Amino acid sequence: MARTARWTAAERARESARPDRLFHDPLAEALAGEQGRALAASMAGQEGGENPWFAIRTRFYDDAIVDSVKLRQAVTQVVSLAAGMDTRAYRLALPGGLAWYELDRPDLLALKDQMLTEAGAATRCLRRTVGVDLADEWTGPLRSAGFAPTRPTLWLVEGLIFCLEPATVRRLLDDLTRLSAPGSEILVDTVGRSMLDSPHTQALRDRLAQEGCPWQFGTDRPEDELLEPRGWRATVHLYSEIGSRLGRWPHPVVARDTPGVPQSFLVHGTR
């Protein structure tokens, strides 16, 4: 997973270099390294050009996080699942007392911490790392790191669930829901079943499988399948709609549930 995490960092670095950038991630270039840049170049060739998903998703999450923890002060702790090479704890204007937990594989977090130390990076809040495999039991280590389930939490589930088996997705959401006090929020993105079944995405899916991140889960009704049965109120956005609003979507915006059109979603849930 370190390769795909560094690919994501390379995409953030590329967006940060644009004059019309949607965000600025000054640490992304260092975290990407040659490995991440090479994979990004290779994937761009596979996809026929730059992939707008990373910039759209990053900006959507950035805005929602700042709105929740700084503007509305709705939560005082954030949990990022499969945090990878994310640097929001370093680059967003966050309250100094905010508790920010990053969960990922121990080896990836160790590599990331090493590179951040070498870069002289300083966090904006109280960042704590928790080395776990999210396919196994992770709630105990999170609690041991200081997480308080009695306090409202903002959960970041970014670029993750479509790489998990359906049973693991359900278990993950059940577990985090049990830890979510009233007032908690969740940000989650997913591909639709329409993406998994589309011949237009077959080559991309094959390549991602080669990189160890096969798409295994998709739903075109994330509110019905993922959140509302677990007691969350969900607002669902099409990637295409958010991307068009941000000036990053290269295709026509097509209505949700249009037959034959693969869709992907950005979802904000509240309790």
Foldseek 3Di string as FASTA:
>chain_A
DLLVLLLLLLLQCVLLPDPLRLFHDPCSVLSNPPSNVVVNVVVCVLLVHHDLLSRLVVNVVLVVVCCDCPVVVLFQEEEEEQCRLDDCQQGHQGAAAREYEYEEAPVRVVVNVVSCVVVVTDGNYHYDYFHDDLLDDGVVSVVVRPDQLQTAYEYEAEPPDQQDAPVSLQVSLLVVLVSHHASHKYKHKFWAVLLVPAPSCVSVQVVCVVVVRHGRDHHLCCCVPPPVVSPKDKDKDWSQVSCVVSVRHPDDDDDRPDPNDITMIIMMIHD
